[in-house]
Amino acid sequence: MKWWRSWRSGGGLLVAVVWIVFATIHGLVKSRERERSRREIAAYVAEGSMTAEEGERLMKAGAEAAAAEDDE
């Protein structure tokens, strides 16, 4: 029964490690998607289907939304 007691006492540590891993993965996915969106906006501006001002406005709106989400 010693293994059961040691597993139970280390359960909180396991939860913390899993939480950290998932939070890290979540942050990586968010930053990758943000960069992907920025590249798509830049491509639209480069091909002329969007003005530079519209692209800048979209990027600013995305940055403000990301900041608001981080505050929550």
N, C-alpha and C. Protein backbone atom coordinates (compact mmCIF):
# COMPACT_ATOMS: atom_id res chain seq x y z
N MET A 1 0.80 -1.20 0.00
CA MET A 1 0.00 0.00 0.00
C MET A 1 0.84 1.27 0.00
N LYS A 2 2.14 1.14 0.09
CA LYS A 2 2.98 2.34 0.08
C LYS A 2 2.87 3.09 -1.25
N TRP A 3 2.79 2.35 -2.35
CA TRP A 3 2.70 3.01 -3.64
C TRP A 3 1.43 3.85 -3.74
N TRP A 4 0.34 3.39 -3.11
CA TRP A 4 -0.92 4.14 -3.17
C TRP A 4 -0.79 5.47 -2.45
N ARG A 5 -0.17 5.47 -1.29
CA ARG A 5 0.01 6.72 -0.54
C ARG A 5 0.92 7.68 -1.27
N SER A 6 1.97 7.18 -1.87
CA SER A 6 2.89 8.08 -2.58
C SER A 6 2.23 8.63 -3.84
N TRP A 7 1.39 7.84 -4.51
CA TRP A 7 0.69 8.33 -5.69
C TRP A 7 -0.33 9.40 -5.32
N ARG A 8 -1.05 9.16 -4.22
CA ARG A 8 -2.06 10.12 -3.80
C ARG A 8 -1.43 11.44 -3.42
N SER A 9 -0.33 11.41 -2.75
CA SER A 9 0.29 12.66 -2.31
C SER A 9 0.92 13.41 -3.49
N GLY A 10 1.29 12.71 -4.54
CA GLY A 10 1.88 13.36 -5.71
C GLY A 10 0.86 13.73 -6.76
N GLY A 11 -0.41 13.48 -6.50
CA GLY A 11 -1.46 13.79 -7.46
C GLY A 11 -1.57 15.28 -7.77
N GLY A 12 -1.40 16.10 -6.75
CA GLY A 12 -1.45 17.55 -6.96
C GLY A 12 -0.32 18.02 -7.85
N LEU A 13 0.84 17.42 -7.68
CA LEU A 13 1.98 17.77 -8.53
C LEU A 13 1.71 17.37 -9.98
N LEU A 14 1.10 16.23 -10.17
CA LEU A 14 0.75 15.77 -11.52
C LEU A 14 -0.23 16.73 -12.18
N VAL A 15 -1.22 17.16 -11.44
CA VAL A 15 -2.20 18.11 -11.97
C VAL A 15 -1.50 19.42 -12.37
N ALA A 16 -0.59 19.89 -11.54
CA ALA A 16 0.13 21.13 -11.84
C ALA A 16 0.97 20.98 -13.11
N VAL A 17 1.65 19.87 -13.26
CA VAL A 17 2.48 19.65 -14.44
C VAL A 17 1.61 19.59 -15.70
N VAL A 18 0.50 18.88 -15.63
CA VAL A 18 -0.40 18.79 -16.78
C VAL A 18 -0.95 20.16 -17.12
N TRP A 19 -1.31 20.94 -16.10
CA TRP A 19 -1.82 22.30 -16.32
C TRP A 19 -0.77 23.14 -17.04
N ILE A 20 0.46 23.09 -16.60
CA ILE A 20 1.53 23.88 -17.21
C ILE A 20 1.75 23.46 -18.67
N VAL A 21 1.75 22.17 -18.92
CA VAL A 21 1.95 21.68 -20.30
C VAL A 21 0.83 22.18 -21.20
N PHE A 22 -0.42 22.04 -20.77
CA PHE A 22 -1.54 22.49 -21.61
C PHE A 22 -1.55 24.00 -21.78
N ALA A 23 -1.20 24.75 -20.75
CA ALA A 23 -1.15 26.21 -20.87
C ALA A 23 -0.07 26.62 -21.87
N THR A 24 1.06 25.94 -21.86
CA THR A 24 2.13 26.23 -22.80
C THR A 24 1.69 25.92 -24.23
N ILE A 25 1.07 24.79 -24.44
CA ILE A 25 0.58 24.42 -25.77
C ILE A 25 -0.46 25.44 -26.25
N HIS A 26 -1.35 25.84 -25.36
CA HIS A 26 -2.37 26.82 -25.71
C HIS A 26 -1.73 28.14 -26.15
N GLY A 27 -0.74 28.60 -25.43
CA GLY A 27 -0.05 29.83 -25.78
C GLY A 27 0.65 29.74 -27.12
N LEU A 28 1.27 28.60 -27.38
CA LEU A 28 1.94 28.41 -28.67
C LEU A 28 0.96 28.42 -29.83
N VAL A 29 -0.16 27.78 -29.65
CA VAL A 29 -1.18 27.74 -30.71
C VAL A 29 -1.72 29.15 -30.97
N LYS A 30 -2.00 29.90 -29.90
CA LYS A 30 -2.51 31.26 -30.07
C LYS A 30 -1.51 32.14 -30.80
N SER A 31 -0.25 32.07 -30.44
CA SER A 31 0.74 32.92 -31.10
C SER A 31 0.95 32.50 -32.55
N ARG A 32 0.88 31.21 -32.83
CA ARG A 32 1.02 30.75 -34.21
C ARG A 32 -0.15 31.24 -35.07
N GLU A 33 -1.36 31.17 -34.53
CA GLU A 33 -2.53 31.64 -35.28
C GLU A 33 -2.49 33.15 -35.49
N ARG A 34 -2.02 33.89 -34.49
CA ARG A 34 -1.90 35.34 -34.62
C ARG A 34 -0.93 35.69 -35.73
N GLU A 35 0.21 35.00 -35.77
CA GLU A 35 1.20 35.24 -36.82
C GLU A 35 0.65 34.86 -38.19
N ARG A 36 -0.11 33.79 -38.25
CA ARG A 36 -0.71 33.36 -39.51
C ARG A 36 -1.68 34.42 -40.03
N SER A 37 -2.47 35.00 -39.12
CA SER A 37 -3.40 36.05 -39.52
C SER A 37 -2.67 37.28 -40.03
N ARG A 38 -1.58 37.64 -39.36
CA ARG A 38 -0.79 38.79 -39.80
C ARG A 38 -0.22 38.56 -41.19
N ARG A 39 0.24 37.35 -41.46
CA ARG A 39 0.77 37.04 -42.79
C ARG A 39 -0.32 37.09 -43.86
N GLU A 40 -1.51 36.61 -43.53
CA GLU A 40 -2.61 36.66 -44.49
C GLU A 40 -2.99 38.10 -44.80
N ILE A 41 -3.05 38.94 -43.77
CA ILE A 41 -3.36 40.35 -43.99
C ILE A 41 -2.29 40.98 -44.87
N ALA A 42 -1.03 40.68 -44.60
CA ALA A 42 0.06 41.22 -45.42
C ALA A 42 -0.04 40.75 -46.87
N ALA A 43 -0.47 39.52 -47.07
CA ALA A 43 -0.64 39.01 -48.43
C ALA A 43 -1.77 39.74 -49.15
N TYR A 44 -2.88 40.00 -48.46
CA TYR A 44 -3.98 40.74 -49.07
C TYR A 44 -3.54 42.15 -49.46
N VAL A 45 -2.75 42.79 -48.60
CA VAL A 45 -2.25 44.13 -48.90
C VAL A 45 -1.32 44.06 -50.10
N ALA A 46 -0.45 43.06 -50.15
CA ALA A 46 0.51 42.94 -51.24
C ALA A 46 -0.17 42.70 -52.58
N GLU A 47 -1.26 41.94 -52.59
CA GLU A 47 -1.94 41.67 -53.86
C GLU A 47 -2.90 42.78 -54.26
N GLY A 48 -3.12 43.73 -53.36
CA GLY A 48 -3.94 44.90 -53.68
C GLY A 48 -5.41 44.76 -53.37
N SER A 49 -5.85 43.66 -52.80
CA SER A 49 -7.27 43.53 -52.47
C SER A 49 -7.64 44.25 -51.17
N MET A 50 -6.64 44.80 -50.49
CA MET A 50 -6.88 45.54 -49.26
C MET A 50 -5.85 46.66 -49.20
N THR A 51 -6.28 47.83 -48.71
CA THR A 51 -5.32 48.92 -48.59
C THR A 51 -4.46 48.72 -47.35
N ALA A 52 -3.36 49.42 -47.32
CA ALA A 52 -2.45 49.33 -46.18
C ALA A 52 -3.14 49.83 -44.90
N GLU A 53 -3.98 50.85 -45.04
CA GLU A 53 -4.70 51.39 -43.89
C GLU A 53 -5.68 50.36 -43.32
N GLU A 54 -6.37 49.65 -44.21
CA GLU A 54 -7.30 48.61 -43.75
C GLU A 54 -6.54 47.48 -43.05
N GLY A 55 -5.41 47.11 -43.62
CA GLY A 55 -4.59 46.06 -42.99
C GLY A 55 -4.09 46.48 -41.62
N GLU A 56 -3.66 47.73 -41.52
CA GLU A 56 -3.17 48.24 -40.24
C GLU A 56 -4.30 48.27 -39.21
N ARG A 57 -5.49 48.67 -39.64
CA ARG A 57 -6.64 48.71 -38.74
C ARG A 57 -6.99 47.30 -38.24
N LEU A 58 -6.95 46.32 -39.13
CA LEU A 58 -7.23 44.94 -38.73
C LEU A 58 -6.18 44.43 -37.73
N MET A 59 -4.92 44.74 -37.99
CA MET A 59 -3.87 44.28 -37.08
C MET A 59 -4.00 44.93 -35.71
N LYS A 60 -4.35 46.22 -35.69
CA LYS A 60 -4.54 46.89 -34.40
C LYS A 60 -5.73 46.30 -33.65
N ALA A 61 -6.80 46.02 -34.38
CA ALA A 61 -7.98 45.42 -33.74
C ALA A 61 -7.64 44.05 -33.17
N GLY A 62 -6.84 43.28 -33.89
CA GLY A 62 -6.43 41.97 -33.40
C GLY A 62 -5.55 42.07 -32.17
N ALA A 63 -4.67 43.06 -32.15
CA ALA A 63 -3.79 43.25 -30.99
C ALA A 63 -4.60 43.67 -29.76
N GLU A 64 -5.60 44.54 -29.97
CA GLU A 64 -6.44 44.97 -28.86
C GLU A 64 -7.27 43.81 -28.32
N ALA A 65 -7.78 42.98 -29.22
CA ALA A 65 -8.58 41.82 -28.79
C ALA A 65 -7.71 40.84 -28.02
N ALA A 66 -6.46 40.64 -28.48
CA ALA A 66 -5.56 39.71 -27.78
C ALA A 66 -5.22 40.26 -26.39
N ALA A 67 -5.01 41.56 -26.28
CA ALA A 67 -4.70 42.17 -24.99
C ALA A 67 -5.88 42.03 -24.04
N ALA A 68 -7.09 42.24 -24.56
CA ALA A 68 -8.28 42.11 -23.72
C ALA A 68 -8.47 40.67 -23.26
N GLU A 69 -8.17 39.72 -24.15
CA GLU A 69 -8.30 38.30 -23.79
C GLU A 69 -7.26 37.91 -22.73
N ASP A 70 -6.07 38.48 -22.82
CA ASP A 70 -5.02 38.17 -21.84
C ASP A 70 -5.36 38.72 -20.47
N ASP A 71 -6.13 39.82 -20.43
CA ASP A 71 -6.51 40.43 -19.15
C ASP A 71 -7.53 39.58 -18.40
N GLU A 72 -8.28 38.77 -19.12
CA GLU A 72 -9.33 37.96 -18.49
C GLU A 72 -8.77 36.83 -17.69
